[in-house]
Amino acid sequence: MTLGEAVSTGAARLADAGIDSPRQEARLLLALAAELDPAIVLGYPERVLAPAACERFAALLARRALHEPYARLAGRREFWSLDFAVTADTLDPRPDSETVVAAALQRITERDAALRVLDLGTGTGCLLLSLLKELPNALGVGVDISPGAVLTARANAASISLESRSFFAVGDWAAGLAGRFDIVLANPPYIASDAIAALAPEVARFEPRRALDGGADGLSAYRVLAAQLPRLIAPGGFAALEVGADQAMPAERIFAFHGLEVQAVHRDLSGIERCLVVTPGPETGAAR
């Protein structure tokens, strides 16, 4: 079988399975199976595919036809121009979440400062590590309730040479965590429990449910975080938190109840309000 024949066969199978852009996905899967640059697959359709690569391609097609996301098949995802390992224990990082990193950087006036950064629900560590890459003198702590996620985040830190400036630990949000931080990051679960089944199968079937399930109204994690943030944010510091579509206003009310103020709302590339920048209000700051 040639590369071109393999792409045509794969595209037909993916199309039957309801996969969008089946030919493009078939090329990506073939490149992964054959360990080739996708440009080679596109540019040299007459090249013969090795039998072992053909077997790997068939296995990948079978998994993708069940709507397993490409990032999970590859075990990698690019985020903030960095390469992150993705495992069954972690949420697949999405471009929308880069809004959190961009919002935090916009708020920082001195990027060379010795800042302390906390990432709650760190997953792959993508938010924390992306920010540390931009802040050469910052130190970071990532917390996740999943031991597997913590192991993945540590491996990602090592792969981009940030293990000396980052520490990852298993924990239930900030419970038992001491100290204050200049920046607090979080991409908490924010999907309402009964809405998860209706999500795209790539999400509903393959993302860790604990990373998706935000309780009955999708806002449970924000109530926990709002109670913890006043003691976590250092004077002059802030939190940058991802929210789901149409959640900016209800989340802001939750934060206001705990004496926190939303200083800015940042939209993602689709125009959706995606990130809230939060600081302690005057009374909260005085109380500390």
C-alpha atoms as a PDB file:
ATOM      1  CA  MET A   1       0.000   0.000   0.000  1.00  0.00           C
ATOM      2  CA  THR A   2       1.283   3.455  -0.869  1.00  0.00           C
ATOM      3  CA  LEU A   3       0.939   6.510   1.317  1.00  0.00           C
ATOM      4  CA  GLY A   4      -1.711   7.909  -1.004  1.00  0.00           C
ATOM      5  CA  GLU A   5      -3.738   4.699  -0.955  1.00  0.00           C
ATOM      6  CA  ALA A   6      -3.494   4.546   2.831  1.00  0.00           C
ATOM      7  CA  VAL A   7      -4.758   8.112   3.178  1.00  0.00           C
ATOM      8  CA  SER A   8      -7.723   7.418   0.878  1.00  0.00           C
ATOM      9  CA  THR A   9      -8.630   4.245   2.740  1.00  0.00           C
ATOM     10  CA  GLY A  10      -8.282   5.925   6.117  1.00  0.00           C
ATOM     11  CA  ALA A  11     -10.239   8.998   5.085  1.00  0.00           C
ATOM     12  CA  ALA A  12     -13.149   6.829   3.935  1.00  0.00           C
ATOM     13  CA  ARG A  13     -13.246   5.004   7.258  1.00  0.00           C
ATOM     14  CA  LEU A  14     -13.080   8.216   9.280  1.00  0.00           C
ATOM     15  CA  ALA A  15     -15.784   9.813   7.150  1.00  0.00           C
ATOM     16  CA  ASP A  16     -18.047   6.838   7.826  1.00  0.00           C
ATOM     17  CA  ALA A  17     -17.412   7.348  11.538  1.00  0.00           C
ATOM     18  CA  GLY A  18     -18.488  11.004  11.339  1.00  0.00           C
ATOM     19  CA  ILE A  19     -15.043  12.512  11.859  1.00  0.00           C
ATOM     20  CA  ASP A  20     -14.690  16.082  10.589  1.00  0.00           C
ATOM     21  CA  SER A  21     -11.933  16.718   8.003  1.00  0.00           C
ATOM     22  CA  PRO A  22     -11.368  12.977   7.530  1.00  0.00           C
ATOM     23  CA  ARG A  23      -8.665  13.269   4.874  1.00  0.00           C
ATOM     24  CA  GLN A  24      -6.591  15.695   6.935  1.00  0.00           C
ATOM     25  CA  GLU A  25      -6.954  13.483  10.000  1.00  0.00           C
ATOM     26  CA  ALA A  26      -6.017  10.396   7.992  1.00  0.00           C
ATOM     27  CA  ARG A  27      -2.808  12.116   6.873  1.00  0.00           C
ATOM     28  CA  LEU A  28      -1.951  13.055  10.457  1.00  0.00           C
ATOM     29  CA  LEU A  29      -2.580   9.528  11.691  1.00  0.00           C
ATOM     30  CA  LEU A  30      -0.536   8.049   8.877  1.00  0.00           C
ATOM     31  CA  ALA A  31       2.340  10.397   9.628  1.00  0.00           C
ATOM     32  CA  LEU A  32       2.154   9.331  13.268  1.00  0.00           C
ATOM     33  CA  ALA A  33       2.063   5.628  12.396  1.00  0.00           C
ATOM     34  CA  ALA A  34       4.889   5.849   9.872  1.00  0.00           C
ATOM     35  CA  GLU A  35       6.936   8.341  11.924  1.00  0.00           C
ATOM     36  CA  LEU A  36       6.978  10.772   9.013  1.00  0.00           C
ATOM     37  CA  ASP A  37       6.483  14.492   8.692  1.00  0.00           C
ATOM     38  CA  PRO A  38       2.901  15.152   7.482  1.00  0.00           C
ATOM     39  CA  ALA A  39       4.421  17.089   4.578  1.00  0.00           C
ATOM     40  CA  ILE A  40       6.047  13.863   3.371  1.00  0.00           C
ATOM     41  CA  VAL A  41       2.707  12.051   3.457  1.00  0.00           C
ATOM     42  CA  LEU A  42       1.159  14.857   1.427  1.00  0.00           C
ATOM     43  CA  GLY A  43       4.031  15.338  -1.002  1.00  0.00           C
ATOM     44  CA  TYR A  44       5.014  11.735  -1.768  1.00  0.00           C
ATOM     45  CA  PRO A  45       1.790   9.726  -2.141  1.00  0.00           C
ATOM     46  CA  GLU A  46       3.596   7.111  -4.263  1.00  0.00           C
ATOM     47  CA  ARG A  47       5.916   6.076  -1.412  1.00  0.00           C
ATOM     48  CA  VAL A  48       5.271   2.539  -0.202  1.00  0.00           C
ATOM     49  CA  LEU A  49       4.154   2.109   3.398  1.00  0.00           C
ATOM     50  CA  ALA A  50       6.121  -0.397   5.474  1.00  0.00           C
ATOM     51  CA  PRO A  51       4.039  -3.350   6.806  1.00  0.00           C
ATOM     52  CA  ALA A  52       4.659  -2.448  10.458  1.00  0.00           C
ATOM     53  CA  ALA A  53       3.561   1.143   9.835  1.00  0.00           C
ATOM     54  CA  CYS A  54       0.490  -0.167   8.027  1.00  0.00           C
ATOM     55  CA  GLU A  55      -0.481  -2.162  11.119  1.00  0.00           C
ATOM     56  CA  ARG A  56       0.043   0.845  13.387  1.00  0.00           C
ATOM     57  CA  PHE A  57      -2.048   2.968  11.029  1.00  0.00           C
ATOM     58  CA  ALA A  58      -4.907   0.466  11.131  1.00  0.00           C
ATOM     59  CA  ALA A  59      -4.835   0.462  14.923  1.00  0.00           C
ATOM     60  CA  LEU A  60      -4.858   4.263  15.087  1.00  0.00           C
ATOM     61  CA  LEU A  61      -7.717   4.455  12.601  1.00  0.00           C
ATOM     62  CA  ALA A  62      -9.768   2.061  14.707  1.00  0.00           C
ATOM     63  CA  ARG A  63      -9.270   4.205  17.790  1.00  0.00           C
ATOM     64  CA  ARG A  64      -9.948   7.493  16.003  1.00  0.00           C
ATOM     65  CA  ALA A  65     -13.114   6.027  14.460  1.00  0.00           C
ATOM     66  CA  LEU A  66     -14.330   5.637  18.045  1.00  0.00           C
ATOM     67  CA  HIS A  67     -13.690   9.400  18.423  1.00  0.00           C
ATOM     68  CA  GLU A  68     -10.597   9.103  20.597  1.00  0.00           C
ATOM     69  CA  PRO A  69      -8.908  12.504  20.114  1.00  0.00           C
ATOM     70  CA  TYR A  70      -5.736  12.786  18.070  1.00  0.00           C
ATOM     71  CA  ALA A  71      -3.835  14.292  21.008  1.00  0.00           C
ATOM     72  CA  ARG A  72      -4.524  11.177  23.056  1.00  0.00           C
ATOM     73  CA  LEU A  73      -3.434   8.937  20.195  1.00  0.00           C
ATOM     74  CA  ALA A  74      -0.218  10.918  19.834  1.00  0.00           C
ATOM     75  CA  GLY A  75       0.171  11.398  23.567  1.00  0.00           C
ATOM     76  CA  ARG A  76       1.166  15.020  22.943  1.00  0.00           C
ATOM     77  CA  ARG A  77      -0.413  18.447  22.587  1.00  0.00           C
ATOM     78  CA  GLU A  78       1.120  21.797  21.661  1.00  0.00           C
ATOM     79  CA  PHE A  79       0.175  24.606  24.021  1.00  0.00           C
ATOM     80  CA  TRP A  80       1.691  28.083  24.107  1.00  0.00           C
ATOM     81  CA  SER A  81       4.223  26.808  21.507  1.00  0.00           C
ATOM     82  CA  LEU A  82       5.420  24.165  23.981  1.00  0.00           C
ATOM     83  CA  ASP A  83       5.044  20.396  23.729  1.00  0.00           C
ATOM     84  CA  PHE A  84       3.085  18.711  26.534  1.00  0.00           C
ATOM     85  CA  ALA A  85       2.512  15.046  27.240  1.00  0.00           C
ATOM     86  CA  VAL A  86      -1.190  14.182  27.562  1.00  0.00           C
ATOM     87  CA  THR A  87      -2.330  11.121  29.513  1.00  0.00           C
ATOM     88  CA  ALA A  88      -5.581   9.508  30.599  1.00  0.00           C
ATOM     89  CA  ASP A  89      -5.235  11.385  33.907  1.00  0.00           C
ATOM     90  CA  THR A  90      -5.153  14.855  32.358  1.00  0.00           C
ATOM     91  CA  LEU A  91      -7.401  17.192  30.458  1.00  0.00           C
ATOM     92  CA  ASP A  92      -6.322  17.717  26.857  1.00  0.00           C
ATOM     93  CA  PRO A  93      -5.030  21.327  26.793  1.00  0.00           C
ATOM     94  CA  ARG A  94      -6.990  23.532  24.406  1.00  0.00           C
ATOM     95  CA  PRO A  95      -6.141  26.814  22.690  1.00  0.00           C
ATOM     96  CA  ASP A  96      -8.968  28.531  24.611  1.00  0.00           C
ATOM     97  CA  SER A  97      -6.995  28.030  27.812  1.00  0.00           C
ATOM     98  CA  GLU A  98      -4.083  30.045  26.423  1.00  0.00           C
ATOM     99  CA  THR A  99      -6.322  33.017  27.211  1.00  0.00           C
ATOM    100  CA  VAL A 100      -5.491  32.455  30.901  1.00  0.00           C
ATOM    101  CA  VAL A 101      -1.749  32.678  30.253  1.00  0.00           C
ATOM    102  CA  ALA A 102      -2.151  35.767  28.083  1.00  0.00           C
ATOM    103  CA  ALA A 103      -4.371  37.464  30.687  1.00  0.00           C
ATOM    104  CA  ALA A 104      -1.835  36.810  33.450  1.00  0.00           C
ATOM    105  CA  LEU A 105       1.050  38.163  31.365  1.00  0.00           C
ATOM    106  CA  GLN A 106      -0.939  41.286  30.530  1.00  0.00           C
ATOM    107  CA  ARG A 107      -1.374  41.974  34.244  1.00  0.00           C
ATOM    108  CA  ILE A 108       2.317  41.496  35.132  1.00  0.00           C
ATOM    109  CA  THR A 109       4.328  44.703  35.039  1.00  0.00           C
ATOM    110  CA  GLU A 110       7.785  43.229  35.751  1.00  0.00           C
ATOM    111  CA  ARG A 111       8.434  39.910  34.056  1.00  0.00           C
ATOM    112  CA  ASP A 112      11.883  39.607  35.632  1.00  0.00           C
ATOM    113  CA  ALA A 113      10.482  39.789  39.166  1.00  0.00           C
ATOM    114  CA  ALA A 114      10.833  36.843  41.556  1.00  0.00           C
ATOM    115  CA  LEU A 115       7.143  35.980  41.474  1.00  0.00           C
ATOM    116  CA  ARG A 116       5.427  33.042  43.154  1.00  0.00           C
ATOM    117  CA  VAL A 117       2.823  31.267  41.039  1.00  0.00           C
ATOM    118  CA  LEU A 118       0.202  28.714  42.105  1.00  0.00           C
ATOM    119  CA  ASP A 119      -1.749  26.537  39.671  1.00  0.00           C
ATOM    120  CA  LEU A 120      -4.759  24.757  41.154  1.00  0.00           C
ATOM    121  CA  GLY A 121      -5.979  21.706  39.249  1.00  0.00           C
ATOM    122  CA  THR A 122      -2.769  21.736  37.246  1.00  0.00           C
ATOM    123  CA  GLY A 123      -3.416  18.705  35.017  1.00  0.00           C
ATOM    124  CA  THR A 124      -0.595  18.593  32.454  1.00  0.00           C
ATOM    125  CA  GLY A 125       0.931  21.669  34.084  1.00  0.00           C
ATOM    126  CA  CYS A 126       0.393  23.620  30.868  1.00  0.00           C
ATOM    127  CA  LEU A 127      -0.811  26.861  32.480  1.00  0.00           C
ATOM    128  CA  LEU A 128       1.906  27.000  35.120  1.00  0.00           C
ATOM    129  CA  LEU A 129       4.769  25.888  32.891  1.00  0.00           C
ATOM    130  CA  SER A 130       3.768  28.191  30.040  1.00  0.00           C
ATOM    131  CA  LEU A 131       3.750  31.133  32.428  1.00  0.00           C
ATOM    132  CA  LEU A 132       7.070  30.153  34.012  1.00  0.00           C
ATOM    133  CA  LYS A 133       8.600  30.017  30.536  1.00  0.00           C
ATOM    134  CA  GLU A 134       7.742  33.706  30.177  1.00  0.00           C
ATOM    135  CA  LEU A 135       8.848  34.657  33.712  1.00  0.00           C
ATOM    136  CA  PRO A 136      12.530  33.724  34.076  1.00  0.00           C
ATOM    137  CA  ASN A 137      12.779  34.334  37.822  1.00  0.00           C
ATOM    138  CA  ALA A 138       9.405  32.997  38.910  1.00  0.00           C
ATOM    139  CA  LEU A 139       8.815  29.844  40.943  1.00  0.00           C
ATOM    140  CA  GLY A 140       5.671  27.766  40.655  1.00  0.00           C
ATOM    141  CA  VAL A 141       3.581  25.228  42.552  1.00  0.00           C
ATOM    142  CA  GLY A 142       1.051  23.006  40.812  1.00  0.00           C
ATOM    143  CA  VAL A 143      -1.614  21.054  42.720  1.00  0.00           C
ATOM    144  CA  ASP A 144      -3.921  18.358  41.408  1.00  0.00           C
ATOM    145  CA  ILE A 145      -6.122  15.787  43.113  1.00  0.00           C
ATOM    146  CA  SER A 146      -4.990  13.142  40.605  1.00  0.00           C
ATOM    147  CA  PRO A 147      -1.624  11.485  41.352  1.00  0.00           C
ATOM    148  CA  GLY A 148      -1.374  10.532  37.686  1.00  0.00           C
ATOM    149  CA  ALA A 149      -1.791  14.144  36.622  1.00  0.00           C
ATOM    150  CA  VAL A 150       0.928  15.237  39.040  1.00  0.00           C
ATOM    151  CA  LEU A 151       3.324  12.685  37.575  1.00  0.00           C
ATOM    152  CA  THR A 152       2.492  13.912  34.064  1.00  0.00           C
ATOM    153  CA  ALA A 153       3.046  17.550  35.053  1.00  0.00           C
ATOM    154  CA  ARG A 154       6.421  16.711  36.593  1.00  0.00           C
ATOM    155  CA  ALA A 155       7.473  14.926  33.410  1.00  0.00           C
ATOM    156  CA  ASN A 156       6.364  17.906  31.335  1.00  0.00           C
ATOM    157  CA  ALA A 157       8.355  20.265  33.528  1.00  0.00           C
ATOM    158  CA  ALA A 158      11.459  18.152  33.018  1.00  0.00           C
ATOM    159  CA  SER A 159      10.931  17.951  29.265  1.00  0.00           C
ATOM    160  CA  ILE A 160      11.022  21.749  28.922  1.00  0.00           C
ATOM    161  CA  SER A 161      13.766  22.258  31.532  1.00  0.00           C
ATOM    162  CA  LEU A 162      11.561  23.864  34.173  1.00  0.00           C
ATOM    163  CA  GLU A 163      11.836  21.192  36.872  1.00  0.00           C
ATOM    164  CA  SER A 164      14.123  23.415  38.978  1.00  0.00           C
ATOM    165  CA  ARG A 165      11.516  26.175  39.157  1.00  0.00           C
ATOM    166  CA  SER A 166       8.367  24.119  39.606  1.00  0.00           C
ATOM    167  CA  PHE A 167       6.979  21.803  42.264  1.00  0.00           C
ATOM    168  CA  PHE A 168       3.933  19.576  41.852  1.00  0.00           C
ATOM    169  CA  ALA A 169       1.923  17.932  44.605  1.00  0.00           C
ATOM    170  CA  VAL A 170      -1.263  15.955  45.092  1.00  0.00           C
ATOM    171  CA  GLY A 171      -3.935  17.966  46.877  1.00  0.00           C
ATOM    172  CA  ASP A 172      -7.603  18.928  47.015  1.00  0.00           C
ATOM    173  CA  TRP A 173      -7.436  22.456  45.616  1.00  0.00           C
ATOM    174  CA  ALA A 174      -5.583  24.558  48.226  1.00  0.00           C
ATOM    175  CA  ALA A 175      -6.584  22.553  51.292  1.00  0.00           C
ATOM    176  CA  GLY A 176      -3.604  22.413  53.632  1.00  0.00           C
ATOM    177  CA  LEU A 177      -1.548  24.723  51.434  1.00  0.00           C
ATOM    178  CA  ALA A 178       0.319  27.481  53.301  1.00  0.00           C
ATOM    179  CA  GLY A 179       1.694  30.752  52.012  1.00  0.00           C
ATOM    180  CA  ARG A 180       0.582  33.392  49.545  1.00  0.00           C
ATOM    181  CA  PHE A 181       1.214  33.765  45.867  1.00  0.00           C
ATOM    182  CA  ASP A 182       1.567  36.660  43.467  1.00  0.00           C
ATOM    183  CA  ILE A 183      -0.377  34.796  40.793  1.00  0.00           C
ATOM    184  CA  VAL A 184      -2.972  32.058  41.173  1.00  0.00           C
ATOM    185  CA  LEU A 185      -4.076  30.151  38.071  1.00  0.00           C
ATOM    186  CA  ALA A 186      -6.897  27.672  37.633  1.00  0.00           C
ATOM    187  CA  ASN A 187      -8.865  25.971  34.901  1.00  0.00           C
ATOM    188  CA  PRO A 188     -11.433  24.221  37.100  1.00  0.00           C
ATOM    189  CA  PRO A 189     -14.117  21.801  35.931  1.00  0.00           C
ATOM    190  CA  TYR A 190     -17.088  23.880  34.803  1.00  0.00           C
ATOM    191  CA  ILE A 191     -19.449  21.607  32.869  1.00  0.00           C
ATOM    192  CA  ALA A 192     -22.796  20.939  34.556  1.00  0.00           C
ATOM    193  CA  SER A 193     -22.980  17.262  35.518  1.00  0.00           C
ATOM    194  CA  ASP A 194     -26.042  16.455  33.425  1.00  0.00           C
ATOM    195  CA  ALA A 195     -24.565  18.206  30.353  1.00  0.00           C
ATOM    196  CA  ILE A 196     -21.461  16.041  30.051  1.00  0.00           C
ATOM    197  CA  ALA A 197     -23.146  13.204  28.163  1.00  0.00           C
ATOM    198  CA  ALA A 198     -24.210  15.638  25.423  1.00  0.00           C
ATOM    199  CA  LEU A 199     -20.672  16.887  24.777  1.00  0.00           C
ATOM    200  CA  ALA A 200     -18.722  15.790  21.719  1.00  0.00           C
ATOM    201  CA  PRO A 201     -17.689  12.142  22.143  1.00  0.00           C
ATOM    202  CA  GLU A 202     -14.027  13.177  22.050  1.00  0.00           C
ATOM    203  CA  VAL A 203     -14.702  14.984  25.322  1.00  0.00           C
ATOM    204  CA  ALA A 204     -17.470  12.981  26.982  1.00  0.00           C
ATOM    205  CA  ARG A 205     -15.836   9.586  26.426  1.00  0.00           C
ATOM    206  CA  PHE A 206     -12.154  10.340  26.791  1.00  0.00           C
ATOM    207  CA  GLU A 207     -11.568  13.313  29.105  1.00  0.00           C
ATOM    208  CA  PRO A 208     -11.286  12.559  32.841  1.00  0.00           C
ATOM    209  CA  ARG A 209     -14.772  13.196  34.205  1.00  0.00           C
ATOM    210  CA  ARG A 210     -13.309  14.776  37.334  1.00  0.00           C
ATOM    211  CA  ALA A 211     -11.698  17.429  35.126  1.00  0.00           C
ATOM    212  CA  LEU A 212     -15.046  18.234  33.512  1.00  0.00           C
ATOM    213  CA  ASP A 213     -17.745  17.860  36.165  1.00  0.00           C
ATOM    214  CA  GLY A 214     -18.551  21.197  37.759  1.00  0.00           C
ATOM    215  CA  GLY A 215     -21.548  19.979  39.750  1.00  0.00           C
ATOM    216  CA  ALA A 216     -25.231  20.618  39.197  1.00  0.00           C
ATOM    217  CA  ASP A 217     -24.766  24.133  37.795  1.00  0.00           C
ATOM    218  CA  GLY A 218     -21.130  23.873  36.677  1.00  0.00           C
ATOM    219  CA  LEU A 219     -20.003  26.352  39.333  1.00  0.00           C
ATOM    220  CA  SER A 220     -19.112  24.109  42.292  1.00  0.00           C
ATOM    221  CA  ALA A 221     -15.347  24.546  41.911  1.00  0.00           C
ATOM    222  CA  TYR A 222     -15.656  28.344  41.823  1.00  0.00           C
ATOM    223  CA  ARG A 223     -17.389  28.299  45.196  1.00  0.00           C
ATOM    224  CA  VAL A 224     -14.473  26.342  46.656  1.00  0.00           C
ATOM    225  CA  LEU A 225     -11.865  28.564  45.015  1.00  0.00           C
ATOM    226  CA  ALA A 226     -13.634  31.789  46.006  1.00  0.00           C
ATOM    227  CA  ALA A 227     -13.454  30.759  49.673  1.00  0.00           C
ATOM    228  CA  GLN A 228      -9.727  29.954  49.392  1.00  0.00           C
ATOM    229  CA  LEU A 229      -8.409  32.779  47.221  1.00  0.00           C
ATOM    230  CA  PRO A 230      -8.461  35.574  49.853  1.00  0.00           C
ATOM    231  CA  ARG A 231      -5.828  33.752  51.914  1.00  0.00           C
ATOM    232  CA  LEU A 232      -3.805  32.671  48.872  1.00  0.00           C
ATOM    233  CA  ILE A 233      -3.343  35.921  46.953  1.00  0.00           C
ATOM    234  CA  ALA A 234      -0.426  38.041  48.154  1.00  0.00           C
ATOM    235  CA  PRO A 235      -0.804  41.823  48.461  1.00  0.00           C
ATOM    236  CA  GLY A 236      -0.752  43.236  44.949  1.00  0.00           C
ATOM    237  CA  GLY A 237      -1.375  39.794  43.482  1.00  0.00           C
ATOM    238  CA  PHE A 238      -4.218  38.375  41.428  1.00  0.00           C
ATOM    239  CA  ALA A 239      -5.875  35.207  40.204  1.00  0.00           C
ATOM    240  CA  ALA A 240      -6.555  34.321  36.553  1.00  0.00           C
ATOM    241  CA  LEU A 241      -9.327  31.762  36.249  1.00  0.00           C
ATOM    242  CA  GLU A 242     -10.861  30.097  33.218  1.00  0.00           C
ATOM    243  CA  VAL A 243     -14.656  30.017  32.984  1.00  0.00           C
ATOM    244  CA  GLY A 244     -17.098  28.358  30.625  1.00  0.00           C
ATOM    245  CA  ALA A 245     -19.394  30.105  28.179  1.00  0.00           C
ATOM    246  CA  ASP A 246     -21.972  32.309  29.938  1.00  0.00           C
ATOM    247  CA  GLN A 247     -20.343  31.729  33.334  1.00  0.00           C
ATOM    248  CA  ALA A 248     -18.497  35.037  33.754  1.00  0.00           C
ATOM    249  CA  MET A 249     -21.383  36.828  35.466  1.00  0.00           C
ATOM    250  CA  PRO A 250     -22.473  34.031  37.843  1.00  0.00           C
ATOM    251  CA  ALA A 251     -18.825  33.360  38.744  1.00  0.00           C
ATOM    252  CA  GLU A 252     -18.314  37.065  39.433  1.00  0.00           C
ATOM    253  CA  ARG A 253     -21.230  37.005  41.879  1.00  0.00           C
ATOM    254  CA  ILE A 254     -19.664  34.055  43.688  1.00  0.00           C
ATOM    255  CA  PHE A 255     -16.340  35.889  43.991  1.00  0.00           C
ATOM    256  CA  ALA A 256     -18.041  39.087  45.166  1.00  0.00           C
ATOM    257  CA  PHE A 257     -19.721  37.154  47.979  1.00  0.00           C
ATOM    258  CA  HIS A 258     -16.223  36.324  49.278  1.00  0.00           C
ATOM    259  CA  GLY A 259     -14.913  39.882  48.984  1.00  0.00           C
ATOM    260  CA  LEU A 260     -13.160  39.406  45.653  1.00  0.00           C
ATOM    261  CA  GLU A 261     -13.328  41.782  42.709  1.00  0.00           C
ATOM    262  CA  VAL A 262     -13.170  40.935  39.010  1.00  0.00           C
ATOM    263  CA  GLN A 263     -10.714  43.395  37.494  1.00  0.00           C
ATOM    264  CA  ALA A 264     -10.897  42.191  33.896  1.00  0.00           C
ATOM    265  CA  VAL A 265     -12.705  39.717  31.666  1.00  0.00           C
ATOM    266  CA  HIS A 266     -10.718  38.304  28.753  1.00  0.00           C
ATOM    267  CA  ARG A 267     -12.283  36.725  25.673  1.00  0.00           C
ATOM    268  CA  ASP A 268     -10.847  33.798  23.745  1.00  0.00           C
ATOM    269  CA  LEU A 269     -10.318  33.767  19.977  1.00  0.00           C
ATOM    270  CA  SER A 270     -13.981  32.863  19.472  1.00  0.00           C
ATOM    271  CA  GLY A 271     -15.089  35.936  21.404  1.00  0.00           C
ATOM    272  CA  ILE A 272     -16.289  33.954  24.424  1.00  0.00           C
ATOM    273  CA  GLU A 273     -15.634  35.387  27.889  1.00  0.00           C
ATOM    274  CA  ARG A 274     -13.022  32.858  28.948  1.00  0.00           C
ATOM    275  CA  CYS A 275     -10.881  34.250  31.771  1.00  0.00           C
ATOM    276  CA  LEU A 276     -11.569  36.341  34.872  1.00  0.00           C
ATOM    277  CA  VAL A 277      -8.792  38.294  36.560  1.00  0.00           C
ATOM    278  CA  VAL A 278      -9.666  38.516  40.246  1.00  0.00           C
ATOM    279  CA  THR A 279      -8.177  40.436  43.171  1.00  0.00           C
ATOM    280  CA  PRO A 280      -9.139  40.772  46.835  1.00  0.00           C
ATOM    281  CA  GLY A 281     -11.455  43.730  47.420  1.00  0.00           C
ATOM    282  CA  PRO A 282     -10.429  46.592  49.733  1.00  0.00           C
ATOM    283  CA  GLU A 283     -12.184  45.108  52.754  1.00  0.00           C
ATOM    284  CA  THR A 284     -10.762  41.644  52.098  1.00  0.00           C
ATOM    285  CA  GLY A 285      -7.269  43.050  51.719  1.00  0.00           C
ATOM    286  CA  ALA A 286      -7.602  45.044  54.933  1.00  0.00           C
ATOM    287  CA  ALA A 287      -8.834  41.968  56.781  1.00  0.00           C
ATOM    288  CA  ARG A 288      -5.681  40.081  55.865  1.00  0.00           C
END
